């Protein structure tokens, strides 16, 4: 099985804060169903890296492309909602 690595370049402190809320919400959303029953959440690892110019980057490593795609869709939705507010 190959890992799926998602690189996110977080350009501003506001985007960093939005990402922190989004990843917490995403993980919590996947952790239980509507009845409060525990589900098998995806295996996911988060790493913080820095570009040479000092910008913060996050690497999310998933063991399944389906979960990586689900997070990317969720992240794009969160960014759109934040810019619309």
Protein backbone atom coordinates (compact mmCIF):
# COMPACT_ATOMS: atom_id res chain seq x y z
CA UNK A 1 0.00 0.00 0.00
CA UNK A 2 1.32 3.44 -0.95
CA UNK A 3 0.82 6.49 1.22
CA UNK A 4 -0.88 9.55 -0.24
CA UNK A 5 0.88 12.79 0.69
CA UNK A 6 -1.02 16.08 0.56
CA UNK A 7 1.10 19.26 0.76
CA UNK A 8 -0.64 22.45 1.87
CA UNK A 9 1.11 25.81 1.70
CA UNK A 10 -0.45 27.99 4.38
CA UNK A 11 0.29 31.56 3.36
CA UNK A 12 -1.10 33.59 6.25
CA UNK A 13 -1.66 33.23 9.99
CA UNK A 14 -5.40 33.36 9.27
CA UNK A 15 -5.10 30.43 6.87
CA UNK A 16 -3.07 28.55 9.48
CA UNK A 17 -5.81 29.13 12.08
CA UNK A 18 -8.50 28.06 9.61
CA UNK A 19 -6.53 24.91 8.80
CA UNK A 20 -6.21 24.03 12.50
CA UNK A 21 -9.97 24.33 12.98
CA UNK A 22 -10.66 22.40 9.76
CA UNK A 23 -8.35 19.47 10.58
CA UNK A 24 -9.82 19.18 14.09
CA UNK A 25 -13.36 19.26 12.74
CA UNK A 26 -12.54 16.79 9.93
CA UNK A 27 -10.98 14.32 12.35
CA UNK A 28 -13.88 14.67 14.78
CA UNK A 29 -16.42 14.29 11.99
CA UNK A 30 -14.83 11.02 10.94
CA UNK A 31 -14.43 9.75 14.48
CA UNK A 32 -18.14 9.12 15.12
CA UNK A 33 -21.41 8.74 13.25
CA UNK A 34 -24.77 10.46 13.84
CA UNK A 35 -25.53 8.09 16.73
CA UNK A 36 -22.26 8.86 18.50
CA UNK A 37 -20.87 5.42 17.68
CA UNK A 38 -17.15 5.24 17.10
CA UNK A 39 -16.08 4.66 13.50
CA UNK A 40 -12.80 3.61 11.98
CA UNK A 41 -11.25 6.96 11.17
CA UNK A 42 -8.64 7.06 8.41
CA UNK A 43 -5.02 6.63 9.30
CA UNK A 44 -3.64 10.12 8.93
CA UNK A 45 -0.39 11.75 9.97
CA UNK A 46 0.24 15.50 10.00
CA UNK A 47 3.70 17.03 9.68
CA UNK A 48 4.66 20.69 9.86
CA UNK A 49 7.39 21.77 7.46
CA UNK A 50 8.78 25.11 6.42
CA UNK A 51 9.70 26.40 2.98
CA UNK A 52 13.07 28.14 2.51
CA UNK A 53 11.27 31.50 2.70
CA UNK A 54 9.89 30.57 6.15
CA UNK A 55 6.30 29.89 5.10
CA UNK A 56 4.51 27.16 7.02
CA UNK A 57 3.53 24.03 5.12
CA UNK A 58 1.52 21.09 6.33
CA UNK A 59 1.91 17.59 5.01
CA UNK A 60 -0.96 15.21 5.54
CA UNK A 61 -0.19 11.58 4.93
CA UNK A 62 -3.11 9.24 4.32
CA UNK A 63 -3.05 5.53 3.70
CA UNK A 64 -5.97 5.78 1.30
CA UNK A 65 -6.58 8.16 -1.62
CA UNK A 66 -10.31 8.29 -0.83
CA UNK A 67 -9.64 9.97 2.53
CA UNK A 68 -7.07 12.32 1.02
CA UNK A 69 -9.59 13.41 -1.63
CA UNK A 70 -12.30 13.80 1.02
CA UNK A 71 -10.05 16.06 3.09
CA UNK A 72 -9.07 18.17 0.08
CA UNK A 73 -12.73 18.67 -0.84
CA UNK A 74 -13.50 19.59 2.78
CA UNK A 75 -10.53 21.99 2.95
CA UNK A 76 -11.53 23.78 -0.26
CA UNK A 77 -15.09 24.16 1.08
CA UNK A 78 -13.77 25.62 4.35
CA UNK A 79 -11.60 28.15 2.50
CA UNK A 80 -14.53 29.21 0.30
CA UNK A 81 -16.77 29.67 3.34
CA UNK A 82 -14.09 31.71 5.11
CA UNK A 83 -13.63 34.06 2.16
CA UNK A 84 -17.40 34.46 1.76
CA UNK A 85 -17.82 35.47 5.42
